[in-house]
């Protein structure tokens, strides 16, 4: 059993905060290329 206070414990709030930060950083790029076709090689 994992101790919930251990550094490696799963924290849904922290994961959600990390995802929100990534999306907030990506938003200007998403707006700039909205509707465009982007090819990544």
Protein backbone atom coordinates (compact mmCIF):
# COMPACT_ATOMS: atom_id res chain seq x y z
CA UNK A 1 0.00 0.00 0.00
CA UNK A 2 1.26 3.48 -0.85
CA UNK A 3 1.50 6.18 1.78
CA UNK A 4 -0.57 9.12 0.42
CA UNK A 5 1.89 11.59 1.94
CA UNK A 6 4.87 10.12 0.09
CA UNK A 7 6.41 12.26 -2.69
CA UNK A 8 5.49 9.69 -5.35
CA UNK A 9 1.81 9.57 -4.38
CA UNK A 10 -0.77 10.30 -7.09
CA UNK A 11 -2.38 13.73 -6.65
CA UNK A 12 -5.26 14.40 -9.07
CA UNK A 13 -5.33 18.10 -8.22
CA UNK A 14 -1.65 18.50 -9.03
CA UNK A 15 -2.06 16.58 -12.29
CA UNK A 16 -5.01 18.78 -13.29
CA UNK A 17 -3.03 21.92 -12.47
CA UNK A 18 -0.16 20.70 -14.65
CA UNK A 19 -2.49 19.98 -17.57
CA UNK A 20 -4.12 23.40 -17.19
CA UNK A 21 -0.71 25.09 -17.27
CA UNK A 22 0.25 23.27 -20.47
CA UNK A 23 -3.04 24.20 -22.14
CA UNK A 24 -2.69 27.83 -21.03
CA UNK A 25 0.79 27.96 -22.58
CA UNK A 26 -0.49 26.37 -25.80
CA UNK A 27 -3.56 28.59 -26.20
CA UNK A 28 -1.87 31.38 -28.23
CA UNK A 29 -0.51 28.77 -30.66
CA UNK A 30 -3.87 27.04 -30.88
CA UNK A 31 -5.54 30.38 -31.71
CA UNK A 32 -2.88 31.29 -34.28
CA UNK A 33 -3.20 28.01 -36.19
CA UNK A 34 -6.95 27.42 -35.71
CA UNK A 35 -8.38 26.05 -38.95
CA UNK A 36 -4.96 25.72 -40.58
CA UNK A 37 -3.41 22.52 -41.84
CA UNK A 38 -0.16 21.85 -39.99
CA UNK A 39 2.26 19.22 -41.30
CA UNK A 40 4.87 17.89 -38.88
CA UNK A 41 7.67 15.83 -40.34
